Amino acid sequence: MKVLLVEDDRRQLMPLQTVLCQAGHTVDGVSDGETAQWLLSERDYDLLILDWMLPHVSGVQLCEHYRASGKTAPVLMITAKDTTLDKVTGLDAGADDYIVKPIDIVEFMARVRALGRRSPICQGDSLSLHNLYLHLDMLTVERQGKVSPLSSREFQLLEYFMRHPQQVLTRDQIEQAVWEWGSEIESNAITVLVRKLRKRLQVVGAAAWVETIYGMGYRLSPPDKTDI
């Protein structure tokens, strides 16, 4: 998933960002509400993780503005406030779940996985599209009994494709989805990554699913079910 993580305490931001990245997520980690607000206006995310108390713009305000804009990605609120009234305030602002500091990493990741499973193509800890399965907990792709391991970046690209099947995705969209905000990537990085992913998919007989739409970008096009 593409995740926005907003936490003003870098001693907590860095470990949370690290564990999310290790689980295969692409994470934009920032420490203030103003930067987060700008990113939300520029980028799309699959999950928002917002600290309640932030400089300038609070996590609750970010959540309210995000929901008011019509966007629906799940929101996990991080808070030191654990009274019933505080929890109701966060949920009424549009949060889907909350976790109370000090954060237990095991519980944190379980809540992230639970929110990620809300996608209609999610089956347990896997994304499925026709007979292609992306195992989120093992960073592998499976089809017709054949399994191929994926690098973290290959996994992120295939997950993005599977969450947007049959859509032509531009290079800019792919860059924003797969690389972290502020990253400098080489001009041919996306071409190289798509080529590597096709080689992985070739192992499971699905390399042709990734189409190049010349002058526009790429599209994941599963075959008709009658052809599978």
C-alpha atoms as a PDB file:
ATOM      1  CA  MET A   1       0.000   0.000   0.000  1.00  0.00           C
ATOM      2  CA  LYS A   2       0.941   3.628  -0.440  1.00  0.00           C
ATOM      3  CA  VAL A   3       0.977   5.018   3.098  1.00  0.00           C
ATOM      4  CA  LEU A   4       1.153   8.541   4.491  1.00  0.00           C
ATOM      5  CA  LEU A   5       2.659   8.457   7.990  1.00  0.00           C
ATOM      6  CA  VAL A   6       2.533  11.708   9.971  1.00  0.00           C
ATOM      7  CA  GLU A   7       4.302  11.768  13.353  1.00  0.00           C
ATOM      8  CA  ASP A   8       6.094  14.803  14.800  1.00  0.00           C
ATOM      9  CA  ASP A   9       8.370  12.766  17.089  1.00  0.00           C
ATOM     10  CA  ARG A  10      11.147  11.425  14.843  1.00  0.00           C
ATOM     11  CA  ARG A  11      12.060   8.863  17.507  1.00  0.00           C
ATOM     12  CA  GLN A  12       8.706   7.270  16.742  1.00  0.00           C
ATOM     13  CA  LEU A  13       8.442   8.229  13.072  1.00  0.00           C
ATOM     14  CA  MET A  14      11.554   6.378  11.932  1.00  0.00           C
ATOM     15  CA  PRO A  15      10.838   2.977  13.563  1.00  0.00           C
ATOM     16  CA  LEU A  16       7.245   3.002  12.305  1.00  0.00           C
ATOM     17  CA  GLN A  17       8.361   3.968   8.799  1.00  0.00           C
ATOM     18  CA  THR A  18      11.001   1.228   8.832  1.00  0.00           C
ATOM     19  CA  VAL A  19       8.617  -1.555   9.867  1.00  0.00           C
ATOM     20  CA  LEU A  20       6.052  -0.461   7.278  1.00  0.00           C
ATOM     21  CA  CYS A  21       8.695  -0.470   4.528  1.00  0.00           C
ATOM     22  CA  GLN A  22       9.897  -3.906   5.612  1.00  0.00           C
ATOM     23  CA  ALA A  23       6.330  -5.149   5.150  1.00  0.00           C
ATOM     24  CA  GLY A  24       6.407  -3.986   1.520  1.00  0.00           C
ATOM     25  CA  HIS A  25       4.608  -0.656   1.822  1.00  0.00           C
ATOM     26  CA  THR A  26       5.667   2.604   0.154  1.00  0.00           C
ATOM     27  CA  VAL A  27       5.758   5.195   2.931  1.00  0.00           C
ATOM     28  CA  ASP A  28       5.828   8.983   2.826  1.00  0.00           C
ATOM     29  CA  GLY A  29       6.877   9.881   6.370  1.00  0.00           C
ATOM     30  CA  VAL A  30       6.535  13.528   7.472  1.00  0.00           C
ATOM     31  CA  SER A  31       6.609  15.294  10.816  1.00  0.00           C
ATOM     32  CA  ASP A  32       4.166  18.193  10.487  1.00  0.00           C
ATOM     33  CA  GLY A  33       0.570  18.719   9.513  1.00  0.00           C
ATOM     34  CA  GLU A  34       1.187  21.414   6.912  1.00  0.00           C
ATOM     35  CA  THR A  35       3.433  19.191   4.798  1.00  0.00           C
ATOM     36  CA  ALA A  36       0.951  16.348   5.197  1.00  0.00           C
ATOM     37  CA  GLN A  37      -1.880  18.589   4.050  1.00  0.00           C
ATOM     38  CA  TRP A  38       0.046  19.512   0.925  1.00  0.00           C
ATOM     39  CA  LEU A  39       0.878  15.873   0.162  1.00  0.00           C
ATOM     40  CA  LEU A  40      -2.786  14.913   0.521  1.00  0.00           C
ATOM     41  CA  SER A  41      -3.650  17.510  -2.106  1.00  0.00           C
ATOM     42  CA  GLU A  42      -0.974  16.182  -4.489  1.00  0.00           C
ATOM     43  CA  ARG A  43      -0.900  12.416  -3.989  1.00  0.00           C
ATOM     44  CA  ASP A  44      -3.234   9.479  -3.529  1.00  0.00           C
ATOM     45  CA  TYR A  45      -2.805   7.091  -0.614  1.00  0.00           C
ATOM     46  CA  ASP A  46      -4.200   3.696   0.336  1.00  0.00           C
ATOM     47  CA  LEU A  47      -3.799   4.359   4.079  1.00  0.00           C
ATOM     48  CA  LEU A  48      -3.257   7.407   6.306  1.00  0.00           C
ATOM     49  CA  ILE A  49      -1.591   7.064   9.712  1.00  0.00           C
ATOM     50  CA  LEU A  50      -1.939  10.345  11.597  1.00  0.00           C
ATOM     51  CA  ASP A  51      -0.635  11.433  14.972  1.00  0.00           C
ATOM     52  CA  TRP A  52      -3.337  13.330  16.866  1.00  0.00           C
ATOM     53  CA  MET A  53      -1.058  16.111  18.127  1.00  0.00           C
ATOM     54  CA  LEU A  54       0.891  17.796  15.321  1.00  0.00           C
ATOM     55  CA  PRO A  55       2.369  21.279  14.808  1.00  0.00           C
ATOM     56  CA  HIS A  56       0.109  23.772  12.993  1.00  0.00           C
ATOM     57  CA  VAL A  57      -2.457  21.271  11.680  1.00  0.00           C
ATOM     58  CA  SER A  58      -3.567  18.441  13.961  1.00  0.00           C
ATOM     59  CA  GLY A  59      -4.194  14.882  12.898  1.00  0.00           C
ATOM     60  CA  VAL A  60      -7.888  15.324  13.616  1.00  0.00           C
ATOM     61  CA  GLN A  61      -8.021  18.392  11.349  1.00  0.00           C
ATOM     62  CA  LEU A  62      -6.163  16.507   8.615  1.00  0.00           C
ATOM     63  CA  CYS A  63      -8.673  13.689   8.855  1.00  0.00           C
ATOM     64  CA  GLU A  64     -11.639  16.065   8.745  1.00  0.00           C
ATOM     65  CA  HIS A  65     -10.274  17.920   5.703  1.00  0.00           C
ATOM     66  CA  TYR A  66      -9.460  14.635   3.970  1.00  0.00           C
ATOM     67  CA  ARG A  67     -12.967  13.273   4.446  1.00  0.00           C
ATOM     68  CA  ALA A  68     -14.505  16.610   3.427  1.00  0.00           C
ATOM     69  CA  SER A  69     -12.625  16.333   0.111  1.00  0.00           C
ATOM     70  CA  GLY A  70     -14.501  13.107  -0.589  1.00  0.00           C
ATOM     71  CA  LYS A  71     -11.548  10.734  -0.216  1.00  0.00           C
ATOM     72  CA  THR A  72     -12.165   7.387   1.418  1.00  0.00           C
ATOM     73  CA  ALA A  73      -8.821   5.683   2.196  1.00  0.00           C
ATOM     74  CA  PRO A  74      -8.720   4.239   5.721  1.00  0.00           C
ATOM     75  CA  VAL A  75      -7.311   6.438   8.499  1.00  0.00           C
ATOM     76  CA  LEU A  76      -5.488   5.093  11.553  1.00  0.00           C
ATOM     77  CA  MET A  77      -5.127   7.656  14.326  1.00  0.00           C
ATOM     78  CA  ILE A  78      -2.158   7.564  16.703  1.00  0.00           C
ATOM     79  CA  THR A  79      -2.975   9.170  20.030  1.00  0.00           C
ATOM     80  CA  ALA A  80      -1.904   9.510  23.639  1.00  0.00           C
ATOM     81  CA  LYS A  81      -5.543  10.325  24.421  1.00  0.00           C
ATOM     82  CA  ASP A  82      -7.372   7.224  25.593  1.00  0.00           C
ATOM     83  CA  THR A  83     -10.631   8.475  27.090  1.00  0.00           C
ATOM     84  CA  THR A  84     -13.895   7.471  25.483  1.00  0.00           C
ATOM     85  CA  LEU A  85     -14.628  11.086  24.530  1.00  0.00           C
ATOM     86  CA  ASP A  86     -11.246  11.417  22.796  1.00  0.00           C
ATOM     87  CA  LYS A  87     -11.811   8.208  20.855  1.00  0.00           C
ATOM     88  CA  VAL A  88     -15.283   9.336  19.793  1.00  0.00           C
ATOM     89  CA  THR A  89     -13.827  12.681  18.642  1.00  0.00           C
ATOM     90  CA  GLY A  90     -11.307  10.921  16.411  1.00  0.00           C
ATOM     91  CA  LEU A  91     -13.851   8.505  14.985  1.00  0.00           C
ATOM     92  CA  ASP A  92     -16.355  11.289  14.350  1.00  0.00           C
ATOM     93  CA  ALA A  93     -13.635  13.168  12.446  1.00  0.00           C
ATOM     94  CA  GLY A  94     -13.513  10.255  10.019  1.00  0.00           C
ATOM     95  CA  ALA A  95     -10.869   7.951  11.488  1.00  0.00           C
ATOM     96  CA  ASP A  96     -11.427   4.226  10.975  1.00  0.00           C
ATOM     97  CA  ASP A  97      -9.295   3.029  13.868  1.00  0.00           C
ATOM     98  CA  TYR A  98      -6.929   4.299  16.514  1.00  0.00           C
ATOM     99  CA  ILE A  99      -3.952   3.057  18.472  1.00  0.00           C
ATOM    100  CA  VAL A 100      -2.817   4.477  21.812  1.00  0.00           C
ATOM    101  CA  LYS A 101       0.773   5.383  22.671  1.00  0.00           C
ATOM    102  CA  PRO A 102       3.134   3.858  23.629  1.00  0.00           C
ATOM    103  CA  ILE A 103       2.767   1.884  20.424  1.00  0.00           C
ATOM    104  CA  ASP A 104       3.166  -1.878  20.386  1.00  0.00           C
ATOM    105  CA  ILE A 105       4.626  -2.656  16.952  1.00  0.00           C
ATOM    106  CA  VAL A 106       2.908  -6.041  16.671  1.00  0.00           C
ATOM    107  CA  GLU A 107      -0.500  -4.489  17.376  1.00  0.00           C
ATOM    108  CA  PHE A 108       0.301  -1.564  15.072  1.00  0.00           C
ATOM    109  CA  MET A 109       1.066  -3.823  12.117  1.00  0.00           C
ATOM    110  CA  ALA A 110      -2.003  -5.964  12.829  1.00  0.00           C
ATOM    111  CA  ARG A 111      -4.186  -2.857  12.615  1.00  0.00           C
ATOM    112  CA  VAL A 112      -2.459  -1.807   9.378  1.00  0.00           C
ATOM    113  CA  ARG A 113      -3.133  -5.241   7.876  1.00  0.00           C
ATOM    114  CA  ALA A 114      -6.758  -5.142   9.016  1.00  0.00           C
ATOM    115  CA  LEU A 115      -7.332  -1.771   7.348  1.00  0.00           C
ATOM    116  CA  GLY A 116      -5.579  -2.978   4.195  1.00  0.00           C
ATOM    117  CA  ARG A 117      -7.942  -5.951   3.960  1.00  0.00           C
ATOM    118  CA  ARG A 118     -10.866  -3.602   3.324  1.00  0.00           C
ATOM    119  CA  SER A 119     -10.012  -3.582  -0.383  1.00  0.00           C
ATOM    120  CA  PRO A 120     -12.603  -5.555  -2.407  1.00  0.00           C
ATOM    121  CA  ILE A 121      -9.816  -7.559  -4.090  1.00  0.00           C
ATOM    122  CA  CYS A 122      -8.330  -8.608  -0.743  1.00  0.00           C
ATOM    123  CA  GLN A 123      -8.718 -12.190   0.447  1.00  0.00           C
ATOM    124  CA  GLY A 124      -7.158 -12.583   3.861  1.00  0.00           C
ATOM    125  CA  ASP A 125      -3.518 -11.584   3.532  1.00  0.00           C
ATOM    126  CA  SER A 126      -3.557 -11.747  -0.270  1.00  0.00           C
ATOM    127  CA  LEU A 127      -4.758  -9.605  -3.138  1.00  0.00           C
ATOM    128  CA  SER A 128      -6.435 -11.575  -5.896  1.00  0.00           C
ATOM    129  CA  LEU A 129      -7.226 -10.744  -9.500  1.00  0.00           C
ATOM    130  CA  HIS A 130      -8.730 -13.605 -11.503  1.00  0.00           C
ATOM    131  CA  ASN A 131      -6.323 -16.433 -10.619  1.00  0.00           C
ATOM    132  CA  LEU A 132      -3.328 -14.245  -9.736  1.00  0.00           C
ATOM    133  CA  TYR A 133      -2.568 -13.933  -6.026  1.00  0.00           C
ATOM    134  CA  LEU A 134      -0.228 -11.437  -4.408  1.00  0.00           C
ATOM    135  CA  HIS A 135       0.683 -12.640  -0.919  1.00  0.00           C
ATOM    136  CA  LEU A 136       1.114  -9.534   1.211  1.00  0.00           C
ATOM    137  CA  ASP A 137       2.814 -11.286   4.111  1.00  0.00           C
ATOM    138  CA  MET A 138       5.407 -13.136   2.012  1.00  0.00           C
ATOM    139  CA  LEU A 139       6.027 -10.713  -0.908  1.00  0.00           C
ATOM    140  CA  THR A 140       5.329 -13.451  -3.454  1.00  0.00           C
ATOM    141  CA  VAL A 141       3.033 -13.802  -6.462  1.00  0.00           C
ATOM    142  CA  GLU A 142       1.216 -17.063  -7.213  1.00  0.00           C
ATOM    143  CA  ARG A 143      -0.779 -18.401 -10.154  1.00  0.00           C
ATOM    144  CA  GLN A 144      -1.886 -21.925 -10.992  1.00  0.00           C
ATOM    145  CA  GLY A 145       0.326 -23.420  -8.311  1.00  0.00           C
ATOM    146  CA  LYS A 146       3.477 -21.583  -9.403  1.00  0.00           C
ATOM    147  CA  VAL A 147       5.087 -19.056  -7.044  1.00  0.00           C
ATOM    148  CA  SER A 148       7.612 -16.290  -7.701  1.00  0.00           C
ATOM    149  CA  PRO A 149       9.332 -14.158  -5.047  1.00  0.00           C
ATOM    150  CA  LEU A 150       9.344 -10.390  -5.510  1.00  0.00           C
ATOM    151  CA  SER A 151      11.697  -7.651  -4.413  1.00  0.00           C
ATOM    152  CA  SER A 152      10.121  -4.930  -2.309  1.00  0.00           C
ATOM    153  CA  ARG A 153       9.892  -2.519  -5.259  1.00  0.00           C
ATOM    154  CA  GLU A 154       8.509  -5.209  -7.608  1.00  0.00           C
ATOM    155  CA  PHE A 155       5.923  -6.081  -4.978  1.00  0.00           C
ATOM    156  CA  GLN A 156       4.885  -2.431  -4.627  1.00  0.00           C
ATOM    157  CA  LEU A 157       4.479  -2.065  -8.387  1.00  0.00           C
ATOM    158  CA  LEU A 158       2.414  -5.232  -8.783  1.00  0.00           C
ATOM    159  CA  GLU A 159       0.230  -4.268  -5.825  1.00  0.00           C
ATOM    160  CA  TYR A 160      -0.400  -0.879  -7.446  1.00  0.00           C
ATOM    161  CA  PHE A 161      -1.286  -2.541 -10.742  1.00  0.00           C
ATOM    162  CA  MET A 162      -3.631  -4.994  -9.020  1.00  0.00           C
ATOM    163  CA  ARG A 163      -5.427  -2.248  -7.136  1.00  0.00           C
ATOM    164  CA  HIS A 164      -6.003  -0.464 -10.479  1.00  0.00           C
ATOM    165  CA  PRO A 165      -6.667  -3.213 -13.046  1.00  0.00           C
ATOM    166  CA  GLN A 166      -7.456  -2.253 -16.636  1.00  0.00           C
ATOM    167  CA  GLN A 167      -6.406   1.355 -15.950  1.00  0.00           C
ATOM    168  CA  VAL A 168      -3.669   3.031 -17.954  1.00  0.00           C
ATOM    169  CA  LEU A 169      -1.205   4.246 -15.321  1.00  0.00           C
ATOM    170  CA  THR A 170       1.195   6.990 -16.328  1.00  0.00           C
ATOM    171  CA  ARG A 171       4.835   7.109 -15.384  1.00  0.00           C
ATOM    172  CA  ASP A 172       4.097   9.975 -13.003  1.00  0.00           C
ATOM    173  CA  GLN A 173       1.394   7.948 -11.264  1.00  0.00           C
ATOM    174  CA  ILE A 174       3.685   4.937 -10.946  1.00  0.00           C
ATOM    175  CA  GLU A 175       6.513   7.070  -9.618  1.00  0.00           C
ATOM    176  CA  GLN A 176       4.263   8.589  -6.961  1.00  0.00           C
ATOM    177  CA  ALA A 177       2.850   5.195  -5.973  1.00  0.00           C
ATOM    178  CA  VAL A 178       6.086   3.218  -5.806  1.00  0.00           C
ATOM    179  CA  TRP A 179       8.739   5.731  -4.758  1.00  0.00           C
ATOM    180  CA  GLU A 180       8.739   7.779  -1.584  1.00  0.00           C
ATOM    181  CA  TRP A 181       8.169  11.527  -1.697  1.00  0.00           C
ATOM    182  CA  GLY A 182      11.449  13.354  -2.254  1.00  0.00           C
ATOM    183  CA  SER A 183      13.187  10.370  -3.862  1.00  0.00           C
ATOM    184  CA  GLU A 184      15.392  10.987  -6.868  1.00  0.00           C
ATOM    185  CA  ILE A 185      14.976   8.264  -9.456  1.00  0.00           C
ATOM    186  CA  GLU A 186      16.848   7.676 -12.672  1.00  0.00           C
ATOM    187  CA  SER A 187      15.090   8.412 -15.956  1.00  0.00           C
ATOM    188  CA  ASN A 188      14.858   4.729 -16.902  1.00  0.00           C
ATOM    189  CA  ALA A 189      13.952   3.432 -13.428  1.00  0.00           C
ATOM    190  CA  ILE A 190      10.312   2.686 -14.237  1.00  0.00           C
ATOM    191  CA  THR A 191      11.189   0.936 -17.514  1.00  0.00           C
ATOM    192  CA  VAL A 192      13.728  -1.234 -15.686  1.00  0.00           C
ATOM    193  CA  LEU A 193      11.288  -2.019 -12.874  1.00  0.00           C
ATOM    194  CA  VAL A 194       8.508  -3.046 -15.259  1.00  0.00           C
ATOM    195  CA  ARG A 195      10.954  -5.300 -17.124  1.00  0.00           C
ATOM    196  CA  LYS A 196      11.981  -6.968 -13.849  1.00  0.00           C
ATOM    197  CA  LEU A 197       8.346  -7.457 -12.827  1.00  0.00           C
ATOM    198  CA  ARG A 198       7.525  -9.064 -16.170  1.00  0.00           C
ATOM    199  CA  LYS A 199      10.348 -11.558 -15.611  1.00  0.00           C
ATOM    200  CA  ARG A 200       8.873 -12.439 -12.225  1.00  0.00           C
ATOM    201  CA  LEU A 201       5.410 -12.800 -13.733  1.00  0.00           C
ATOM    202  CA  GLN A 202       6.814 -14.963 -16.522  1.00  0.00           C
ATOM    203  CA  VAL A 203       7.511 -17.606 -13.875  1.00  0.00           C
ATOM    204  CA  VAL A 204       3.769 -17.819 -13.159  1.00  0.00           C
ATOM    205  CA  GLY A 205       2.719 -17.394 -16.788  1.00  0.00           C
ATOM    206  CA  ALA A 206       1.397 -13.855 -16.465  1.00  0.00           C
ATOM    207  CA  ALA A 207       4.054 -11.657 -18.072  1.00  0.00           C
ATOM    208  CA  ALA A 208       1.670 -10.658 -20.869  1.00  0.00           C
ATOM    209  CA  TRP A 209      -0.754  -9.210 -18.315  1.00  0.00           C
ATOM    210  CA  VAL A 210       1.433  -6.070 -18.079  1.00  0.00           C
ATOM    211  CA  GLU A 211       0.861  -4.074 -21.248  1.00  0.00           C
ATOM    212  CA  THR A 212       2.877  -1.109 -22.479  1.00  0.00           C
ATOM    213  CA  ILE A 213       0.596   1.635 -23.755  1.00  0.00           C
ATOM    214  CA  TYR A 214       3.038   3.624 -25.865  1.00  0.00           C
ATOM    215  CA  GLY A 215       3.108   7.326 -25.164  1.00  0.00           C
ATOM    216  CA  MET A 216       0.919   6.879 -22.089  1.00  0.00           C
ATOM    217  CA  GLY A 217       2.153   4.300 -19.588  1.00  0.00           C
ATOM    218  CA  TYR A 218       1.297   0.751 -18.532  1.00  0.00           C
ATOM    219  CA  ARG A 219      -1.817  -1.311 -17.837  1.00  0.00           C
ATOM    220  CA  LEU A 220      -2.469  -4.578 -16.047  1.00  0.00           C
ATOM    221  CA  SER A 221      -4.919  -6.469 -18.255  1.00  0.00           C
ATOM    222  CA  PRO A 222      -5.889  -9.942 -17.055  1.00  0.00           C
ATOM    223  CA  PRO A 223      -7.160 -12.267 -19.787  1.00  0.00           C
ATOM    224  CA  ASP A 224     -10.834 -13.064 -20.062  1.00  0.00           C
ATOM    225  CA  LYS A 225     -11.822 -15.785 -17.653  1.00  0.00           C
ATOM    226  CA  THR A 226     -12.538 -18.039 -20.595  1.00  0.00           C
ATOM    227  CA  ASP A 227      -8.894 -17.743 -21.593  1.00  0.00           C
ATOM    228  CA  ILE A 228      -7.428 -18.497 -18.181  1.00  0.00           C
END
